[in-house]
Amino acid sequence: MERNTSQGKHVGVQQINFLIPVQEDSERPCTSPRFPRNMSVAAHTTPLLSRVVGYSVAIANNAGRIIRDIMKRGELGIVEKESARDLQTEADRAAQRSIITSLQKCFPKSTIIGEEGEDEVKDLSGQVFDPSSDSSSSISSIACPPQLTTVAEEELVIWVDPLDGTAEYTQAHECRISGHLGVCKTLGLSCESLLDHVTVLIGIASGGKAVGGVIHQPYYNYQNPGAELGRTIWGIVGGSVGGMPIVAPPEGKVIVTTTRSHSSSTVNDAVAAVSPTEVLRVGGAGHKVMLLLEGKAHVYVFASPGCKKWDTCAPQAILEAAGGILTDIKGDPIPYHATVAHRNSTGVLASAAGQDHQAFLAKIPQHVKDNLKA
């Protein structure tokens, strides 16, 4: 999430009594003969990265169901981590438990880093999810470029934000229980539109670079009564993007998306410097990059150290698979090694496909760049 949080912790493989029965030969559920034939065959013939992305699609879909169920029950279990603006809910905790334990079971040699820390995995009240039960995880259809087909499992670092947009999630809940309809006077926007900001992020890195990603929108289609909720987008850098069409932003405009709740003079100076015709202030790094992919914005500007690697890894991989670019505010690449500092201390600048990223970088004032220390 785009907020100051305590450092997440590396989640290693632990001795866990998984809730999915384990075969005596200790096969992973992802490749076990118990699963449908097409999944087990694909698991043996498809590159590892395609399998990780495919299973992550299914695992993210399940996390979205968890998030919606907790909102529906109305028992969010909100706690403050570092401040009143730094919240964690039962949806964050339960979604992370499900995502990480499921990924661990499928890919035990990988390193998995979750926003909510290792403590949230020790309580296994969330089930290990069987990704083959979700037909959307058709891994054989996820193309992997030749240079990534030989990536080994132990080389992978998976960055997980189980609920990007927690502030918007909790505010939407408060609006619901208060009976707000239409535009909320307190927030200045439609209460229900806050649900657009909520995403589940699973980013895959190798060699310190974002190479694959999944963004799930739990509330996509909420405006259409009776429609199936949720949408999942995925991508592999050098491969392709699935789950949605990529739309070019309108010509003759410069639409900027930036933070809704963590503005500062530095952020505002950076936004103003690119001479926007419109500014979209929204929550969640995942949602901001979705606006670039949907053609609703040209550039995402965030000149602040407020977001973390789990906020940007998945969005960066998908954006770059679509032809866009994501760097820090100085134009340097964001590293995703397992041991790297979690905070993106030098901000984020992302541009949609077809936009001149270097031109945007050149417009960022030097004092803004100087204010952000690595």
Protein backbone atom coordinates (compact mmCIF):
# COMPACT_ATOMS: atom_id res chain seq x y z
CA MET A 1 0.00 0.00 0.00
CA GLU A 2 1.11 3.57 -0.53
CA ARG A 3 1.75 4.30 3.12
CA ASN A 4 4.42 4.19 5.76
CA THR A 5 4.42 0.75 7.29
CA SER A 6 6.68 -1.30 9.46
CA GLN A 7 9.14 -3.48 7.60
CA GLY A 8 7.60 -6.66 6.31
CA LYS A 9 9.49 -9.86 7.07
CA HIS A 10 10.80 -12.62 4.89
CA VAL A 11 8.49 -15.58 5.03
CA GLY A 12 10.53 -18.73 4.81
CA VAL A 13 9.29 -22.27 4.49
CA GLN A 14 8.11 -23.34 7.92
CA GLN A 15 6.97 -26.60 9.47
CA ILE A 16 3.27 -26.20 8.83
CA ASN A 17 0.36 -28.60 9.14
CA PHE A 18 -1.24 -27.64 5.87
CA LEU A 19 -5.00 -27.83 5.65
CA ILE A 20 -4.91 -29.50 2.25
CA PRO A 21 -4.09 -33.21 2.77
CA VAL A 22 -0.52 -34.00 1.77
CA GLN A 23 0.22 -37.17 -0.18
CA GLU A 24 2.61 -39.63 1.42
CA ASP A 25 5.15 -38.86 -1.29
CA SER A 26 4.94 -35.16 -0.24
CA GLU A 27 4.05 -33.96 -3.72
CA ARG A 28 3.08 -30.34 -3.93
CA PRO A 29 -0.61 -29.75 -4.50
CA CYS A 30 0.25 -27.80 -7.66
CA THR A 31 1.75 -30.82 -9.40
CA SER A 32 -0.01 -33.67 -7.66
CA PRO A 33 -1.90 -36.34 -9.65
CA ARG A 34 -4.89 -35.49 -7.42
CA PHE A 35 -5.37 -32.40 -9.56
CA PRO A 36 -7.02 -32.35 -12.99
CA ARG A 37 -5.02 -33.95 -15.76
CA ASN A 38 -4.61 -30.76 -17.76
CA MET A 39 -3.09 -28.97 -14.75
CA SER A 40 -0.63 -31.73 -13.88
CA VAL A 41 0.49 -32.09 -17.50
CA ALA A 42 0.87 -28.33 -17.89
CA ALA A 43 2.88 -28.18 -14.67
CA HIS A 44 5.47 -30.53 -16.15
CA THR A 45 5.67 -28.93 -19.60
CA THR A 46 5.29 -25.20 -18.90
CA PRO A 47 8.17 -22.91 -17.84
CA LEU A 48 8.39 -22.28 -14.10
CA LEU A 49 7.63 -18.55 -14.39
CA SER A 50 4.45 -19.25 -16.34
CA ARG A 51 3.41 -21.71 -13.64
CA VAL A 52 4.09 -19.22 -10.85
CA VAL A 53 2.06 -16.52 -12.61
CA GLY A 54 -0.74 -18.95 -13.46
CA TYR A 55 -1.07 -20.27 -9.93
CA SER A 56 -0.80 -16.73 -8.56
CA VAL A 57 -3.82 -15.76 -10.67
CA ALA A 58 -5.89 -18.45 -8.95
CA ILE A 59 -4.46 -17.67 -5.51
CA ALA A 60 -5.18 -13.94 -5.95
CA ASN A 61 -8.74 -14.72 -7.05
CA ASN A 62 -9.23 -16.66 -3.83
CA ALA A 63 -7.77 -13.80 -1.78
CA GLY A 64 -10.32 -11.52 -3.41
CA ARG A 65 -13.13 -13.78 -2.25
CA ILE A 66 -11.72 -13.62 1.29
CA ILE A 67 -11.62 -9.82 1.14
CA ARG A 68 -15.21 -9.58 -0.08
CA ASP A 69 -16.47 -12.09 2.50
CA ILE A 70 -14.93 -10.14 5.38
CA MET A 71 -16.42 -6.87 4.12
CA LYS A 72 -19.81 -8.58 3.76
CA ARG A 73 -19.66 -9.89 7.34
CA GLY A 74 -18.75 -6.40 8.54
CA GLU A 75 -16.13 -7.64 11.01
CA LEU A 76 -13.02 -5.90 9.74
CA GLY A 77 -10.93 -6.28 12.90
CA ILE A 78 -9.13 -3.00 12.29
CA VAL A 79 -5.88 -2.35 14.15
CA GLU A 80 -3.41 0.52 13.90
CA LYS A 81 0.18 -0.43 13.10
CA GLU A 82 2.19 2.78 13.31
CA SER A 83 -0.50 5.45 13.14
CA ALA A 84 -4.18 6.09 12.56
CA ARG A 85 -3.41 6.27 8.83
CA ASP A 86 -1.53 2.96 8.89
CA LEU A 87 -4.25 0.36 9.28
CA GLN A 88 -4.44 -3.40 9.06
CA THR A 89 -7.68 -5.38 8.84
CA GLU A 90 -8.66 -9.02 9.16
CA ALA A 91 -8.92 -8.98 5.37
CA ASP A 92 -5.21 -8.05 5.12
CA ARG A 93 -4.29 -10.80 7.57
CA ALA A 94 -6.52 -13.56 6.19
CA ALA A 95 -5.68 -12.82 2.56
CA GLN A 96 -1.95 -12.87 3.32
CA ARG A 97 -2.22 -16.17 5.19
CA SER A 98 -3.98 -17.75 2.23
CA ILE A 99 -1.64 -16.29 -0.40
CA ILE A 100 1.63 -17.07 1.31
CA THR A 101 0.82 -20.54 2.60
CA SER A 102 -0.52 -21.48 -0.85
CA LEU A 103 2.56 -20.13 -2.64
CA GLN A 104 4.85 -21.85 -0.13
CA LYS A 105 3.19 -25.16 -0.76
CA CYS A 106 3.58 -24.78 -4.52
CA PHE A 107 7.03 -23.17 -4.62
CA PRO A 108 8.89 -23.96 -1.37
CA LYS A 109 12.32 -22.98 -2.71
CA SER A 110 11.28 -19.42 -3.50
CA THR A 111 11.57 -16.47 -1.12
CA ILE A 112 8.22 -14.89 -0.27
CA ILE A 113 7.96 -11.46 1.35
CA GLY A 114 4.57 -10.27 2.56
CA GLU A 115 3.57 -6.82 3.72
CA GLU A 116 1.97 -7.95 6.95
CA GLY A 117 5.02 -9.88 8.17
CA GLU A 118 5.77 -13.44 9.22
CA ASP A 119 3.51 -13.40 12.28
CA GLU A 120 0.43 -13.35 10.05
CA VAL A 121 1.44 -16.69 8.51
CA LYS A 122 1.91 -18.52 11.80
CA ASP A 123 -1.86 -18.45 12.40
CA LEU A 124 -3.11 -20.82 9.73
CA SER A 125 -6.81 -20.21 10.08
CA GLY A 126 -6.72 -19.41 6.35
CA GLN A 127 -6.67 -22.51 4.18
CA VAL A 128 -3.98 -23.41 1.71
CA PHE A 129 -5.74 -22.86 -1.60
CA ASP A 130 -5.62 -25.44 -4.39
CA PRO A 131 -4.97 -23.31 -7.52
CA SER A 132 -6.22 -26.03 -9.86
CA SER A 133 -9.74 -25.46 -8.56
CA ASP A 134 -9.79 -22.09 -10.36
CA SER A 135 -10.19 -22.48 -14.11
CA SER A 136 -8.65 -19.04 -14.70
CA SER A 137 -5.19 -20.42 -13.86
CA SER A 138 -4.72 -21.86 -17.35
CA ILE A 139 -0.95 -21.85 -17.11
CA SER A 140 -0.32 -23.31 -20.56
CA SER A 141 -1.66 -20.09 -22.13
CA ILE A 142 0.75 -17.77 -20.27
CA ALA A 143 3.66 -17.10 -22.60
CA CYS A 144 7.17 -16.92 -21.18
CA PRO A 145 9.95 -15.26 -23.23
CA PRO A 146 13.00 -17.45 -23.99
CA GLN A 147 15.32 -15.54 -21.66
CA LEU A 148 13.11 -16.38 -18.65
CA THR A 149 12.33 -20.03 -19.38
CA THR A 150 15.32 -21.28 -17.39
CA VAL A 151 14.70 -19.28 -14.20
CA ALA A 152 15.11 -21.58 -11.19
CA GLU A 153 12.70 -21.65 -8.26
CA GLU A 154 15.34 -20.69 -5.71
CA GLU A 155 16.07 -17.53 -7.75
CA LEU A 156 12.54 -16.21 -7.32
CA VAL A 157 11.54 -13.52 -4.83
CA ILE A 158 7.77 -13.10 -4.57
CA TRP A 159 6.47 -9.80 -3.17
CA VAL A 160 2.93 -9.92 -1.75
CA ASP A 161 0.57 -7.09 -0.83
CA PRO A 162 -2.58 -8.97 0.21
CA LEU A 163 -4.74 -5.83 0.20
CA ASP A 164 -3.42 -2.72 -1.50
CA GLY A 165 -5.74 0.15 -0.61
CA THR A 166 -6.57 -0.72 3.00
CA ALA A 167 -7.49 2.90 3.79
CA GLU A 168 -10.03 2.94 0.97
CA TYR A 169 -11.34 -0.49 1.98
CA THR A 170 -11.99 0.65 5.55
CA GLN A 171 -13.48 3.97 4.44
CA ALA A 172 -15.87 2.20 2.07
CA HIS A 173 -16.92 -0.02 4.98
CA GLU A 174 -17.53 3.01 7.21
CA CYS A 175 -19.65 4.61 4.49
CA ARG A 176 -21.73 1.46 4.19
CA ILE A 177 -22.47 1.13 7.89
CA SER A 178 -23.26 4.86 8.05
CA GLY A 179 -25.77 4.49 5.24
CA HIS A 180 -24.00 6.95 2.95
CA LEU A 181 -25.22 7.05 -0.63
CA GLY A 182 -23.82 8.95 -3.58
CA VAL A 183 -21.02 11.42 -2.91
CA CYS A 184 -19.66 11.35 0.63
CA LYS A 185 -19.31 14.89 1.99
CA THR A 186 -16.39 13.84 4.16
CA LEU A 187 -14.38 12.26 1.35
CA GLY A 188 -15.58 14.34 -1.59
CA LEU A 189 -16.19 11.32 -3.79
CA SER A 190 -18.53 8.41 -4.23
CA CYS A 191 -18.24 6.04 -1.28
CA GLU A 192 -18.60 2.95 -3.43
CA SER A 193 -15.94 4.18 -5.86
CA LEU A 194 -13.39 3.64 -3.08
CA LEU A 195 -13.69 -0.08 -3.79
CA ASP A 196 -12.07 0.53 -7.20
CA HIS A 197 -8.85 1.37 -5.34
CA VAL A 198 -8.58 -2.07 -3.68
CA THR A 199 -6.27 -4.66 -5.26
CA VAL A 200 -4.37 -7.83 -4.43
CA LEU A 201 -0.75 -7.74 -5.63
CA ILE A 202 1.59 -10.69 -6.25
CA GLY A 203 4.88 -9.68 -7.87
CA ILE A 204 7.61 -12.07 -9.01
CA ALA A 205 11.24 -11.00 -9.24
CA SER A 206 14.38 -12.74 -10.51
CA GLY A 207 17.87 -11.30 -10.52
CA GLY A 208 16.56 -8.27 -8.67
CA LYS A 209 14.16 -7.37 -11.50
CA ALA A 210 10.37 -7.52 -11.64
CA VAL A 211 9.64 -10.25 -14.20
CA GLY A 212 6.03 -11.27 -13.56
CA GLY A 213 3.00 -9.93 -11.80
CA VAL A 214 -0.65 -10.39 -10.91
CA ILE A 215 -3.15 -7.67 -9.98
CA HIS A 216 -6.58 -8.77 -8.77
CA GLN A 217 -9.43 -6.27 -8.38
CA PRO A 218 -11.90 -7.86 -5.93
CA TYR A 219 -14.67 -5.35 -6.62
CA TYR A 220 -14.44 -4.99 -10.38
CA ASN A 221 -18.02 -4.95 -11.77
CA TYR A 222 -19.56 -3.83 -8.47
CA GLN A 223 -21.60 -1.22 -10.36
CA ASN A 224 -23.48 -3.96 -12.24
CA PRO A 225 -26.00 -5.77 -10.00
CA GLY A 226 -25.88 -9.52 -10.51
CA ALA A 227 -22.56 -9.43 -12.37
CA GLU A 228 -19.68 -11.63 -11.27
CA LEU A 229 -17.32 -9.61 -9.12
CA GLY A 230 -13.58 -9.45 -9.63
CA ARG A 231 -11.01 -9.23 -12.40
CA THR A 232 -7.41 -10.43 -12.53
CA ILE A 233 -4.67 -9.08 -14.77
CA TRP A 234 -1.31 -10.75 -15.22
CA GLY A 235 1.84 -10.26 -17.22
CA ILE A 236 5.39 -11.47 -17.83
CA VAL A 237 8.02 -8.95 -18.93
CA GLY A 238 8.95 -9.70 -22.53
CA GLY A 239 5.84 -11.82 -22.88
CA SER A 240 2.29 -10.56 -22.80
CA VAL A 241 -0.51 -9.22 -20.62
CA GLY A 242 -3.70 -11.16 -19.94
CA GLY A 243 -7.02 -10.44 -18.31
CA MET A 244 -7.80 -7.12 -19.99
CA PRO A 245 -7.17 -5.14 -23.18
CA ILE A 246 -4.48 -2.47 -22.95
CA VAL A 247 -5.86 0.95 -23.90
CA ALA A 248 -3.81 3.96 -25.01
CA PRO A 249 -4.43 7.21 -23.08
CA PRO A 250 -6.00 10.11 -24.98
CA GLU A 251 -3.82 12.27 -27.21
CA GLY A 252 -3.39 15.95 -26.55
CA LYS A 253 -3.63 15.58 -22.78
CA VAL A 254 -1.35 14.82 -19.84
CA ILE A 255 -3.39 13.03 -17.19
CA VAL A 256 -1.40 12.39 -14.01
CA THR A 257 -2.34 9.96 -11.27
CA THR A 258 -0.88 10.40 -7.81
CA THR A 259 -1.56 9.82 -4.14
CA ARG A 260 -4.96 10.59 -2.64
CA SER A 261 -3.95 10.69 1.01
CA HIS A 262 -0.16 11.15 1.25
CA SER A 263 0.43 14.41 -0.53
CA SER A 264 3.29 16.79 0.33
CA SER A 265 4.97 19.83 -1.14
CA THR A 266 7.50 17.55 -2.84
CA VAL A 267 4.76 15.40 -4.36
CA ASN A 268 2.83 18.47 -5.50
CA ASP A 269 5.94 20.07 -7.03
CA ALA A 270 6.65 16.92 -9.03
CA VAL A 271 3.06 16.66 -10.24
CA ALA A 272 2.93 20.34 -11.25
CA ALA A 273 6.24 20.05 -13.10
CA VAL A 274 4.84 17.67 -15.74
CA SER A 275 2.14 20.26 -16.60
CA PRO A 276 -0.90 18.03 -16.19
CA THR A 277 -4.21 18.77 -17.88
CA GLU A 278 -5.88 16.66 -15.19
CA VAL A 279 -4.81 15.06 -11.90
CA LEU A 280 -6.38 11.85 -10.58
CA ARG A 281 -5.74 11.48 -6.85
CA VAL A 282 -6.45 7.86 -5.97
CA GLY A 283 -5.41 5.21 -3.48
CA GLY A 284 -3.26 2.13 -3.99
CA ALA A 285 -0.20 1.73 -6.22
CA GLY A 286 -1.88 -1.16 -8.01
CA HIS A 287 -4.90 0.98 -8.84
CA LYS A 288 -2.72 3.82 -10.14
CA VAL A 289 -0.91 1.51 -12.56
CA MET A 290 -4.28 0.05 -13.60
CA LEU A 291 -5.26 3.58 -14.67
CA LEU A 292 -2.21 3.62 -16.98
CA LEU A 293 -3.15 0.22 -18.43
CA GLU A 294 -6.77 1.28 -18.94
CA GLY A 295 -5.77 4.45 -20.79
CA LYS A 296 -7.19 6.70 -18.07
CA ALA A 297 -3.84 8.30 -17.21
CA HIS A 298 -0.53 8.94 -18.95
CA VAL A 299 1.84 9.01 -15.98
CA TYR A 300 1.95 8.05 -12.30
CA VAL A 301 3.98 10.50 -10.20
CA PHE A 302 4.83 9.84 -6.55
CA ALA A 303 7.81 11.81 -5.27
CA SER A 304 7.79 10.33 -1.77
CA PRO A 305 9.31 7.36 0.09
CA GLY A 306 5.83 6.14 1.13
CA CYS A 307 5.43 2.93 -0.89
CA LYS A 308 7.23 -0.41 -0.68
CA LYS A 309 8.50 -3.17 -2.96
CA TRP A 310 5.31 -5.21 -2.54
CA ASP A 311 3.38 -2.18 -3.86
CA THR A 312 5.37 -1.87 -7.08
CA CYS A 313 6.74 -5.29 -8.10
CA ALA A 314 3.54 -6.72 -9.61
CA PRO A 315 2.37 -3.44 -11.19
CA GLN A 316 5.82 -2.82 -12.67
CA ALA A 317 6.01 -6.27 -14.28
CA ILE A 318 2.56 -5.95 -15.84
CA LEU A 319 3.13 -2.37 -16.99
CA GLU A 320 6.44 -3.27 -18.61
CA ALA A 321 4.89 -6.34 -20.25
CA ALA A 322 2.37 -3.90 -21.76
CA GLY A 323 5.14 -1.62 -23.05
CA GLY A 324 5.19 0.94 -20.25
CA ILE A 325 8.02 1.91 -17.90
CA LEU A 326 8.32 2.17 -14.10
CA THR A 327 11.39 3.61 -12.35
CA ASP A 328 12.09 5.67 -9.28
CA ILE A 329 11.62 9.44 -9.52
CA LYS A 330 15.27 9.82 -10.61
CA GLY A 331 14.96 7.31 -13.45
CA ASP A 332 16.86 4.53 -11.70
CA PRO A 333 15.54 0.95 -11.64
CA ILE A 334 13.85 -0.30 -8.48
CA PRO A 335 15.68 -3.41 -7.18
CA TYR A 336 13.75 -6.44 -5.91
CA HIS A 337 16.45 -8.66 -4.37
CA ALA A 338 15.42 -10.59 -1.25
CA THR A 339 17.75 -8.54 0.96
CA VAL A 340 16.92 -5.08 -0.42
CA ALA A 341 15.34 -2.40 1.80
CA HIS A 342 11.57 -2.68 1.49
CA ARG A 343 10.90 1.04 1.17
CA ASN A 344 11.04 2.70 -2.26
CA SER A 345 12.90 5.63 -0.75
CA THR A 346 13.33 7.51 -4.03
CA GLY A 347 9.70 7.48 -5.10
CA VAL A 348 7.98 6.17 -8.21
CA LEU A 349 7.52 7.42 -11.76
CA ALA A 350 5.57 5.24 -14.18
CA SER A 351 4.44 5.97 -17.72
CA ALA A 352 1.92 4.24 -19.96
CA ALA A 353 2.94 2.47 -23.16
CA GLY A 354 3.78 4.91 -25.93
CA GLN A 355 4.62 7.77 -23.57
CA ASP A 356 8.02 9.47 -23.39
CA HIS A 357 9.27 8.40 -19.97
CA GLN A 358 12.54 10.30 -20.36
CA ALA A 359 10.63 13.50 -21.09
CA PHE A 360 8.66 13.11 -17.87
CA LEU A 361 11.87 12.44 -15.94
CA ALA A 362 13.49 15.55 -17.37
CA LYS A 363 10.63 17.68 -16.03
CA ILE A 364 11.01 16.52 -12.41
CA PRO A 365 12.71 19.42 -10.56
CA GLN A 366 16.19 18.80 -9.22
CA HIS A 367 15.17 19.86 -5.71
CA VAL A 368 12.52 17.12 -5.74
CA LYS A 369 15.12 14.52 -6.69
CA ASP A 370 17.54 15.89 -4.08
CA ASN A 371 14.89 15.60 -1.35
CA LEU A 372 14.59 11.86 -1.92
CA LYS A 373 17.61 10.04 -0.53
CA ALA A 374 18.37 6.42 -1.39
